[in-house]
């Protein structure tokens, strides 16, 4: 399955390690994850802003779902979530670490049936949430 993975790159990047763990976990399950991260915390390819936009929209258009790490605020991730929900109409999982307390009201308050918002405390819990979401959406 093609799964778009979103996480803060230029925004609050304190939780990038969890974003990377999601990408690696999806690969271990045999899924193709579209992600800007190559998990060494640098963009995999240096692109212009226009090229990033076009690439990410192509990835979204060719994905069956989106999984977003939203612990750190990011305008880009918010845009990608809205695009996935309201333009592409694919399911979205937004996860955030319990240490942040709360996340954007635009995400937490969204009533779309296509959006699932979950909090996690550790890596194992994060993996369980991701696995459960994918299993539910594949049916």
N, C-alpha and C. Protein backbone atom coordinates (compact mmCIF):
# COMPACT_ATOMS: atom_id res chain seq x y z
N UNK A 1 0.84 -1.17 0.00
CA UNK A 1 0.00 0.00 0.00
C UNK A 1 0.89 1.25 0.00
N UNK A 2 0.48 2.27 -0.74
CA UNK A 2 1.18 3.56 -0.72
C UNK A 2 0.61 4.42 0.39
N UNK A 3 1.46 4.85 1.31
CA UNK A 3 1.04 5.64 2.44
C UNK A 3 1.90 6.90 2.52
N UNK A 4 1.23 8.06 2.52
CA UNK A 4 1.94 9.32 2.65
C UNK A 4 2.24 9.55 4.12
N UNK A 5 3.47 9.86 4.44
CA UNK A 5 3.87 10.14 5.82
C UNK A 5 4.23 11.61 5.94
N UNK A 6 3.62 12.27 6.91
CA UNK A 6 3.85 13.69 7.11
C UNK A 6 4.39 13.94 8.51
N UNK A 7 5.26 14.92 8.60
CA UNK A 7 5.81 15.32 9.89
C UNK A 7 6.54 16.64 9.71
N UNK A 8 6.75 17.31 10.80
CA UNK A 8 7.40 18.63 10.75
C UNK A 8 8.83 18.50 10.23
N UNK A 9 9.14 19.28 9.20
CA UNK A 9 10.49 19.36 8.65
C UNK A 9 11.09 20.72 8.99
N UNK A 10 10.39 21.77 8.62
CA UNK A 10 10.87 23.13 8.90
C UNK A 10 10.22 23.71 10.15
N UNK A 11 9.10 23.15 10.56
CA UNK A 11 8.41 23.63 11.76
C UNK A 11 9.07 23.05 13.00
N UNK A 12 8.30 22.82 14.04
CA UNK A 12 8.79 22.27 15.31
C UNK A 12 9.18 20.81 15.09
N UNK A 13 10.46 20.56 15.05
CA UNK A 13 10.96 19.23 14.65
C UNK A 13 11.42 18.37 15.83
N UNK A 14 10.97 18.70 17.06
CA UNK A 14 11.40 17.94 18.23
C UNK A 14 10.99 16.46 18.18
N UNK A 15 9.97 16.13 17.40
CA UNK A 15 9.45 14.77 17.37
C UNK A 15 9.77 14.05 16.06
N UNK A 16 10.79 14.53 15.34
CA UNK A 16 11.17 13.90 14.07
C UNK A 16 11.57 12.45 14.23
N UNK A 17 12.13 12.09 15.38
CA UNK A 17 12.54 10.69 15.55
C UNK A 17 11.33 9.76 15.51
N UNK A 18 10.19 10.20 16.03
CA UNK A 18 8.97 9.38 15.95
C UNK A 18 8.45 9.33 14.51
N UNK A 19 8.54 10.45 13.81
CA UNK A 19 8.18 10.49 12.39
C UNK A 19 9.00 9.46 11.63
N UNK A 20 10.28 9.45 11.88
CA UNK A 20 11.18 8.50 11.23
C UNK A 20 10.81 7.06 11.60
N UNK A 21 10.46 6.84 12.84
CA UNK A 21 10.05 5.50 13.28
C UNK A 21 8.81 5.03 12.53
N UNK A 22 7.88 5.94 12.27
CA UNK A 22 6.69 5.58 11.49
C UNK A 22 7.10 5.13 10.10
N UNK A 23 7.96 5.90 9.45
CA UNK A 23 8.43 5.56 8.09
C UNK A 23 9.10 4.19 8.10
N UNK A 24 9.98 3.95 9.05
CA UNK A 24 10.68 2.66 9.13
C UNK A 24 9.72 1.51 9.43
N UNK A 25 8.77 1.75 10.32
CA UNK A 25 7.80 0.72 10.68
C UNK A 25 6.94 0.33 9.48
N UNK A 26 6.49 1.31 8.71
CA UNK A 26 5.69 1.02 7.52
C UNK A 26 6.48 0.18 6.53
N UNK A 27 7.76 0.51 6.37
CA UNK A 27 8.62 -0.29 5.47
C UNK A 27 8.73 -1.72 5.98
N UNK A 28 8.85 -1.90 7.29
CA UNK A 28 8.97 -3.25 7.86
C UNK A 28 7.70 -4.07 7.64
N UNK A 29 6.57 -3.38 7.47
CA UNK A 29 5.30 -4.05 7.19
C UNK A 29 5.08 -4.27 5.70
N UNK A 30 6.03 -3.80 4.88
CA UNK A 30 5.94 -4.00 3.43
C UNK A 30 5.21 -2.91 2.68
N UNK A 31 4.96 -1.79 3.33
CA UNK A 31 4.28 -0.67 2.67
C UNK A 31 5.29 0.30 2.07
N UNK A 32 4.85 1.01 1.04
CA UNK A 32 5.64 2.06 0.43
C UNK A 32 5.25 3.38 1.08
N UNK A 33 6.18 4.00 1.78
CA UNK A 33 5.86 5.26 2.43
C UNK A 33 6.50 6.41 1.68
N UNK A 34 5.64 7.35 1.25
CA UNK A 34 6.13 8.57 0.63
C UNK A 34 6.48 9.52 1.76
N UNK A 35 7.73 9.93 1.84
CA UNK A 35 8.18 10.77 2.94
C UNK A 35 9.38 11.60 2.51
N UNK A 36 9.41 12.84 2.99
CA UNK A 36 10.55 13.70 2.71
C UNK A 36 11.78 13.26 3.50
N UNK A 37 11.56 12.51 4.55
CA UNK A 37 12.68 12.13 5.42
C UNK A 37 13.36 10.86 4.92
N UNK A 38 14.69 10.88 4.97
CA UNK A 38 15.42 9.64 4.75
C UNK A 38 15.94 9.13 6.08
N UNK A 39 15.38 9.66 7.15
CA UNK A 39 15.60 9.25 8.54
C UNK A 39 17.00 9.52 9.06
N UNK A 40 17.73 10.41 8.44
CA UNK A 40 18.92 10.93 9.08
C UNK A 40 18.71 12.41 9.38
N UNK A 41 17.43 12.81 9.37
CA UNK A 41 16.96 14.14 9.74
C UNK A 41 17.44 15.24 8.80
N UNK A 42 17.60 14.86 7.55
CA UNK A 42 17.83 15.82 6.49
C UNK A 42 16.88 15.47 5.36
N UNK A 43 16.48 16.44 4.60
CA UNK A 43 15.68 16.13 3.42
C UNK A 43 16.50 15.23 2.52
N UNK A 44 15.83 14.25 1.92
CA UNK A 44 16.55 13.29 1.10
C UNK A 44 17.11 13.91 -0.17
N UNK A 45 16.46 14.93 -0.69
CA UNK A 45 16.91 15.60 -1.90
C UNK A 45 16.70 17.10 -1.71
N UNK A 46 17.66 17.90 -2.13
CA UNK A 46 17.50 19.35 -2.03
C UNK A 46 16.67 19.83 -3.22
N UNK A 47 15.50 20.36 -2.93
CA UNK A 47 14.58 20.82 -3.95
C UNK A 47 14.15 22.25 -3.66
N UNK A 48 13.68 22.93 -4.70
CA UNK A 48 13.11 24.26 -4.51
C UNK A 48 11.74 24.09 -3.85
N UNK A 49 11.20 25.17 -3.33
CA UNK A 49 9.87 25.12 -2.72
C UNK A 49 8.82 24.65 -3.73
N UNK A 50 8.91 25.12 -4.97
CA UNK A 50 7.99 24.70 -6.01
C UNK A 50 8.10 23.20 -6.28
N UNK A 51 9.31 22.70 -6.33
CA UNK A 51 9.52 21.27 -6.56
C UNK A 51 9.00 20.43 -5.38
N UNK A 52 9.20 20.92 -4.16
CA UNK A 52 8.67 20.22 -2.98
C UNK A 52 7.15 20.14 -3.06
N UNK A 53 6.50 21.25 -3.38
CA UNK A 53 5.05 21.28 -3.48
C UNK A 53 4.56 20.28 -4.52
N UNK A 54 5.14 20.30 -5.70
CA UNK A 54 4.71 19.40 -6.78
C UNK A 54 4.95 17.94 -6.41
N UNK A 55 6.08 17.64 -5.82
CA UNK A 55 6.39 16.27 -5.42
C UNK A 55 5.40 15.79 -4.36
N UNK A 56 5.17 16.62 -3.34
CA UNK A 56 4.29 16.21 -2.26
C UNK A 56 2.85 16.04 -2.71
N UNK A 57 2.38 16.89 -3.61
CA UNK A 57 1.03 16.72 -4.16
C UNK A 57 0.97 15.43 -4.97
N UNK A 58 2.00 15.13 -5.75
CA UNK A 58 2.02 13.87 -6.50
C UNK A 58 1.96 12.69 -5.54
N UNK A 59 2.76 12.75 -4.46
CA UNK A 59 2.74 11.68 -3.46
C UNK A 59 1.34 11.54 -2.86
N UNK A 60 0.71 12.64 -2.49
CA UNK A 60 -0.64 12.59 -1.93
C UNK A 60 -1.63 11.98 -2.92
N UNK A 61 -1.54 12.41 -4.16
CA UNK A 61 -2.44 11.89 -5.20
C UNK A 61 -2.27 10.39 -5.43
N UNK A 62 -1.12 9.87 -5.11
CA UNK A 62 -0.83 8.46 -5.35
C UNK A 62 -0.81 7.64 -4.06
N UNK A 63 -1.39 8.17 -3.00
CA UNK A 63 -1.43 7.48 -1.71
C UNK A 63 -2.85 7.04 -1.40
N UNK A 64 -2.93 5.98 -0.61
CA UNK A 64 -4.22 5.45 -0.18
C UNK A 64 -4.61 5.95 1.21
N UNK A 65 -3.66 6.49 1.94
CA UNK A 65 -3.92 7.07 3.25
C UNK A 65 -2.75 7.96 3.63
N UNK A 66 -2.95 8.74 4.69
CA UNK A 66 -1.90 9.62 5.20
C UNK A 66 -1.75 9.35 6.69
N UNK A 67 -0.52 9.24 7.13
CA UNK A 67 -0.21 9.16 8.56
C UNK A 67 0.68 10.34 8.89
N UNK A 68 0.24 11.15 9.87
CA UNK A 68 0.96 12.37 10.20
C UNK A 68 1.35 12.40 11.68
N UNK A 69 2.61 12.73 11.95
CA UNK A 69 3.09 12.97 13.31
C UNK A 69 2.89 14.47 13.53
N UNK A 70 1.97 14.83 14.44
CA UNK A 70 1.57 16.22 14.59
C UNK A 70 1.93 16.81 15.96
N UNK A 71 2.88 16.22 16.65
CA UNK A 71 3.27 16.73 17.97
C UNK A 71 3.84 18.14 17.89
N UNK A 72 4.59 18.43 16.84
CA UNK A 72 5.16 19.76 16.63
C UNK A 72 4.41 20.48 15.54
N UNK A 73 3.97 21.70 15.78
CA UNK A 73 3.22 22.44 14.77
C UNK A 73 3.99 22.58 13.46
N UNK A 74 3.25 22.44 12.36
CA UNK A 74 3.83 22.58 11.03
C UNK A 74 2.74 23.01 10.06
N UNK A 75 2.94 24.15 9.40
CA UNK A 75 1.97 24.61 8.40
C UNK A 75 1.84 23.62 7.26
N UNK A 76 2.96 23.04 6.83
CA UNK A 76 2.94 22.09 5.73
C UNK A 76 2.13 20.85 6.06
N UNK A 77 2.30 20.32 7.25
CA UNK A 77 1.57 19.12 7.65
C UNK A 77 0.07 19.42 7.72
N UNK A 78 -0.28 20.58 8.24
CA UNK A 78 -1.69 20.97 8.28
C UNK A 78 -2.28 21.05 6.88
N UNK A 79 -1.53 21.62 5.95
CA UNK A 79 -1.98 21.70 4.56
C UNK A 79 -2.17 20.31 3.98
N UNK A 80 -1.21 19.41 4.23
CA UNK A 80 -1.28 18.04 3.69
C UNK A 80 -2.48 17.28 4.26
N UNK A 81 -2.75 17.46 5.54
CA UNK A 81 -3.90 16.80 6.15
C UNK A 81 -5.20 17.30 5.50
N UNK A 82 -5.34 18.61 5.35
CA UNK A 82 -6.54 19.16 4.73
C UNK A 82 -6.69 18.68 3.29
N UNK A 83 -5.60 18.64 2.56
CA UNK A 83 -5.64 18.17 1.17
C UNK A 83 -6.09 16.71 1.12
N UNK A 84 -5.52 15.89 2.00
CA UNK A 84 -5.87 14.47 2.02
C UNK A 84 -7.36 14.27 2.36
N UNK A 85 -7.85 15.02 3.33
CA UNK A 85 -9.23 14.85 3.77
C UNK A 85 -10.25 15.41 2.78
N UNK A 86 -10.01 16.63 2.30
CA UNK A 86 -11.05 17.34 1.57
C UNK A 86 -10.86 17.38 0.06
N UNK A 87 -9.68 17.15 -0.42
CA UNK A 87 -9.44 17.10 -1.87
C UNK A 87 -9.33 15.64 -2.33
N UNK A 88 -8.45 14.90 -1.70
CA UNK A 88 -8.21 13.51 -2.09
C UNK A 88 -9.22 12.55 -1.47
N UNK A 89 -9.74 12.90 -0.30
CA UNK A 89 -10.73 12.10 0.41
C UNK A 89 -10.20 10.71 0.79
N UNK A 90 -9.02 10.73 1.41
CA UNK A 90 -8.42 9.49 1.90
C UNK A 90 -8.34 9.55 3.43
N UNK A 91 -8.30 8.39 4.09
CA UNK A 91 -8.21 8.39 5.55
C UNK A 91 -6.89 8.96 6.05
N UNK A 92 -6.98 9.64 7.19
CA UNK A 92 -5.81 10.28 7.80
C UNK A 92 -5.72 9.86 9.27
N UNK A 93 -4.53 9.46 9.67
CA UNK A 93 -4.21 9.23 11.07
C UNK A 93 -3.26 10.32 11.52
N UNK A 94 -3.66 11.08 12.53
CA UNK A 94 -2.80 12.10 13.13
C UNK A 94 -2.43 11.63 14.53
N UNK A 95 -1.14 11.47 14.78
CA UNK A 95 -0.67 11.00 16.09
C UNK A 95 0.17 12.09 16.74
N UNK A 96 0.06 12.14 18.08
CA UNK A 96 0.89 13.10 18.80
C UNK A 96 1.31 12.52 20.14
N UNK A 97 2.47 12.96 20.58
CA UNK A 97 3.06 12.47 21.82
C UNK A 97 2.35 13.10 23.01
N UNK A 98 2.07 12.29 24.02
CA UNK A 98 1.34 12.76 25.20
C UNK A 98 2.06 13.87 25.95
N UNK A 99 3.37 14.02 25.78
CA UNK A 99 4.09 15.08 26.50
C UNK A 99 3.73 16.47 26.02
N UNK A 100 3.17 16.61 24.82
CA UNK A 100 2.83 17.95 24.32
C UNK A 100 1.52 18.45 24.91
N UNK A 101 0.74 17.57 25.47
CA UNK A 101 -0.51 18.00 26.11
C UNK A 101 -1.65 18.19 25.14
N UNK A 102 -1.51 19.13 24.23
CA UNK A 102 -2.59 19.39 23.28
C UNK A 102 -2.01 19.77 21.92
N UNK A 103 -2.84 19.65 20.91
CA UNK A 103 -2.42 20.00 19.55
C UNK A 103 -3.42 21.02 18.98
N UNK A 104 -3.19 21.44 17.77
CA UNK A 104 -4.03 22.43 17.12
C UNK A 104 -5.52 22.06 17.17
N UNK A 105 -6.34 23.04 17.49
CA UNK A 105 -7.78 22.85 17.47
C UNK A 105 -8.31 22.53 16.08
N UNK A 106 -7.59 22.96 15.06
CA UNK A 106 -8.00 22.66 13.68
C UNK A 106 -7.89 21.16 13.39
N UNK A 107 -6.99 20.48 14.06
CA UNK A 107 -6.87 19.03 13.91
C UNK A 107 -7.78 18.34 14.92
N UNK A 108 -7.63 18.68 16.18
CA UNK A 108 -8.40 18.03 17.25
C UNK A 108 -9.90 18.28 17.10
N UNK A 109 -10.28 19.43 16.59
CA UNK A 109 -11.70 19.77 16.46
C UNK A 109 -12.34 19.36 15.15
N UNK A 110 -11.57 18.82 14.23
CA UNK A 110 -12.08 18.43 12.91
C UNK A 110 -13.05 17.25 13.07
N UNK A 111 -14.21 17.37 12.49
CA UNK A 111 -15.23 16.32 12.64
C UNK A 111 -15.30 15.36 11.46
N UNK A 112 -14.35 15.42 10.56
CA UNK A 112 -14.35 14.50 9.40
C UNK A 112 -14.27 13.06 9.88
N UNK A 113 -15.13 12.22 9.33
CA UNK A 113 -15.09 10.80 9.67
C UNK A 113 -13.84 10.12 9.11
N UNK A 114 -13.13 10.80 8.23
CA UNK A 114 -11.91 10.25 7.62
C UNK A 114 -10.67 10.51 8.48
N UNK A 115 -10.82 11.31 9.55
CA UNK A 115 -9.69 11.67 10.40
C UNK A 115 -9.75 10.93 11.72
N UNK A 116 -8.63 10.29 12.06
CA UNK A 116 -8.46 9.64 13.36
C UNK A 116 -7.31 10.35 14.06
N UNK A 117 -7.53 10.80 15.29
CA UNK A 117 -6.50 11.47 16.08
C UNK A 117 -6.23 10.62 17.31
N UNK A 118 -4.96 10.27 17.51
CA UNK A 118 -4.57 9.42 18.64
C UNK A 118 -3.33 9.99 19.31
N UNK A 119 -3.24 9.77 20.60
CA UNK A 119 -2.06 10.15 21.35
C UNK A 119 -1.28 8.90 21.73
N UNK A 120 0.03 9.04 21.79
CA UNK A 120 0.89 7.91 22.16
C UNK A 120 1.89 8.37 23.22
N UNK A 121 2.35 7.39 24.01
CA UNK A 121 3.31 7.70 25.07
C UNK A 121 4.70 7.16 24.79
N UNK A 122 4.77 6.11 23.95
CA UNK A 122 6.06 5.49 23.66
C UNK A 122 6.01 4.86 22.27
N UNK A 123 7.14 4.36 21.84
CA UNK A 123 7.26 3.82 20.48
C UNK A 123 6.36 2.61 20.27
N UNK A 124 6.28 1.72 21.23
CA UNK A 124 5.44 0.53 21.07
C UNK A 124 3.98 0.91 20.92
N UNK A 125 3.53 1.87 21.70
CA UNK A 125 2.15 2.33 21.60
C UNK A 125 1.91 2.98 20.23
N UNK A 126 2.86 3.75 19.75
CA UNK A 126 2.76 4.37 18.43
C UNK A 126 2.62 3.31 17.35
N UNK A 127 3.44 2.28 17.40
CA UNK A 127 3.37 1.20 16.41
C UNK A 127 2.01 0.50 16.45
N UNK A 128 1.49 0.26 17.64
CA UNK A 128 0.17 -0.38 17.78
C UNK A 128 -0.92 0.47 17.15
N UNK A 129 -0.85 1.79 17.36
CA UNK A 129 -1.84 2.70 16.79
C UNK A 129 -1.78 2.67 15.27
N UNK A 130 -0.55 2.74 14.72
CA UNK A 130 -0.37 2.72 13.27
C UNK A 130 -0.87 1.41 12.69
N UNK A 131 -0.49 0.30 13.29
CA UNK A 131 -0.90 -1.02 12.80
C UNK A 131 -2.43 -1.16 12.82
N UNK A 132 -3.06 -0.75 13.90
CA UNK A 132 -4.51 -0.83 14.04
C UNK A 132 -5.21 0.01 12.99
N UNK A 133 -4.71 1.23 12.75
CA UNK A 133 -5.30 2.12 11.76
C UNK A 133 -5.22 1.52 10.36
N UNK A 134 -4.05 1.02 10.00
CA UNK A 134 -3.88 0.44 8.66
C UNK A 134 -4.79 -0.77 8.51
N UNK A 135 -4.83 -1.63 9.52
CA UNK A 135 -5.66 -2.83 9.46
C UNK A 135 -7.14 -2.47 9.29
N UNK A 136 -7.60 -1.46 10.01
CA UNK A 136 -9.00 -1.03 9.93
C UNK A 136 -9.31 -0.45 8.55
N UNK A 137 -8.42 0.35 8.01
CA UNK A 137 -8.66 1.03 6.75
C UNK A 137 -8.52 0.11 5.53
N UNK A 138 -7.79 -0.98 5.67
CA UNK A 138 -7.61 -1.92 4.55
C UNK A 138 -8.88 -2.73 4.28
N UNK A 139 -9.76 -2.81 5.28
CA UNK A 139 -10.99 -3.61 5.13
C UNK A 139 -11.97 -2.99 4.19
